[in-house]
Amino acid sequence: MPSKKPTQAPTLDAANMVKGGTAAAQKFPAWKQWVEGSAGFDGTGLRDVVDTNARYLDDVKGDLDSLRGSTDHRIDILEAKVAALEAAPPSPFPE
C-alpha cells in the first residue's frame, strides 16, 4: 500500500469563530469532516491519510527488519570466510 498525501484542508478562520463569527462557524463542520475523514472527505481526510501512512511505514519497517536479519546472516558468512583466509598460510607469488 503506497503512502498518501492529504488533500487541501477547508479554510477555517478560527480567530473569527472564537469571536462568534457566523461565517467561520459555518465552515467548521467541513473542516471537522476533513480532519475525521468523514462525509465528502472519506478516504482523503487527514485521519485516513495518517492511518494509511502509518500502515505503510509498518510494512516498510517489517521489510527492513526481515532484510536486516538476512543481511546479518550473510555478514556472518563473509566474516567467517575472511577469517579463514587470514588464518591460511600465505601462498607464494612468483618473483
Protein backbone atom coordinates (compact mmCIF):
# COMPACT_ATOMS: atom_id res chain seq x y z
CA MET A 1 0.00 0.00 0.00
CA PRO A 2 1.67 3.29 -1.03
CA SER A 3 1.78 6.35 1.15
CA LYS A 4 -0.73 9.15 0.65
CA LYS A 5 -0.78 12.90 0.87
CA PRO A 6 -3.72 14.77 2.41
CA THR A 7 -5.98 16.93 0.33
CA GLN A 8 -6.08 20.65 1.00
CA ALA A 9 -7.97 21.39 4.20
CA PRO A 10 -11.08 23.53 4.00
CA THR A 11 -10.43 27.07 5.16
CA LEU A 12 -11.24 27.80 8.77
CA ASP A 13 -10.77 31.17 10.40
CA ALA A 14 -10.53 30.03 14.00
CA ALA A 15 -9.94 33.56 15.33
CA ASN A 16 -13.28 34.77 13.95
CA MET A 17 -15.02 31.60 15.09
CA VAL A 18 -13.88 32.25 18.66
CA LYS A 19 -15.24 35.79 18.37
CA GLY A 20 -18.58 34.34 17.29
CA GLY A 21 -18.39 34.93 13.54
CA THR A 22 -21.14 33.02 11.77
CA ALA A 23 -19.17 32.60 8.52
CA ALA A 24 -16.37 30.79 10.33
CA ALA A 25 -18.84 28.73 12.34
CA GLN A 26 -20.47 27.55 9.10
CA LYS A 27 -17.11 26.36 7.78
CA PHE A 28 -16.29 24.39 10.94
CA PRO A 29 -18.32 21.25 10.03
CA ALA A 30 -16.44 20.87 6.71
CA TRP A 31 -13.10 21.32 8.43
CA LYS A 32 -14.09 18.80 11.14
CA GLN A 33 -15.16 16.30 8.46
CA TRP A 34 -11.79 16.75 6.72
CA VAL A 35 -9.93 16.04 9.97
CA GLU A 36 -12.12 12.99 10.72
CA GLY A 37 -12.13 11.76 7.12
CA SER A 38 -15.92 11.58 7.10
CA ALA A 39 -18.68 12.62 4.68
CA GLY A 40 -17.19 14.03 1.46
CA PHE A 41 -13.64 13.57 2.72
CA ASP A 42 -13.87 9.81 3.25
CA GLY A 43 -10.52 8.36 2.19
CA THR A 44 -8.89 11.74 1.63
CA GLY A 45 -9.22 13.37 5.03
CA LEU A 46 -6.39 13.86 7.48
CA ARG A 47 -7.22 10.87 9.69
CA ASP A 48 -7.40 8.49 6.72
CA VAL A 49 -4.08 9.74 5.34
CA VAL A 50 -2.33 9.42 8.71
CA ASP A 51 -3.73 5.91 9.14
CA THR A 52 -2.66 4.86 5.63
CA ASN A 53 0.84 6.27 6.09
CA ALA A 54 1.19 4.55 9.47
CA ARG A 55 0.28 1.20 7.91
CA TYR A 56 2.68 1.88 5.03
CA LEU A 57 5.51 2.63 7.47
CA ASP A 58 4.71 -0.54 9.42
CA ASP A 59 5.11 -2.51 6.17
CA VAL A 60 8.39 -0.73 5.39
CA LYS A 61 9.68 -1.47 8.90
CA GLY A 62 8.73 -5.13 8.55
CA ASP A 63 10.54 -5.35 5.22
CA LEU A 64 13.58 -3.60 6.66
CA ASP A 65 13.66 -5.87 9.70
CA SER A 66 13.48 -9.00 7.54
CA LEU A 67 16.17 -7.65 5.21
CA ARG A 68 18.35 -6.74 8.16
CA GLY A 69 18.01 -10.28 9.50
CA SER A 70 19.03 -11.88 6.21
CA THR A 71 21.89 -9.40 5.77
CA ASP A 72 23.26 -10.22 9.24
CA HIS A 73 23.41 -13.87 8.22
CA ARG A 74 25.34 -13.01 5.04
CA ILE A 75 27.74 -10.81 7.00
CA ASP A 76 28.45 -13.70 9.38
CA ILE A 77 29.30 -15.94 6.41
CA LEU A 78 31.57 -13.30 4.89
CA GLU A 79 33.33 -12.71 8.22
CA ALA A 80 33.95 -16.45 8.54
CA LYS A 81 35.43 -16.60 5.02
CA VAL A 82 37.67 -13.59 5.69
CA ALA A 83 38.84 -15.13 8.96
CA ALA A 84 39.64 -18.41 7.15
CA LEU A 85 41.64 -16.53 4.51
CA GLU A 86 43.53 -14.60 7.16
CA ALA A 87 44.35 -17.83 9.04
CA ALA A 88 45.56 -19.65 5.92
CA PRO A 89 49.30 -19.61 5.28
CA PRO A 90 50.32 -17.10 2.63
CA SER A 91 50.70 -18.53 -0.84
CA PRO A 92 53.98 -17.81 -2.56
CA PHE A 93 53.86 -15.48 -5.54
CA PRO A 94 56.29 -15.88 -8.43
CA GLU A 95 59.16 -13.44 -8.32
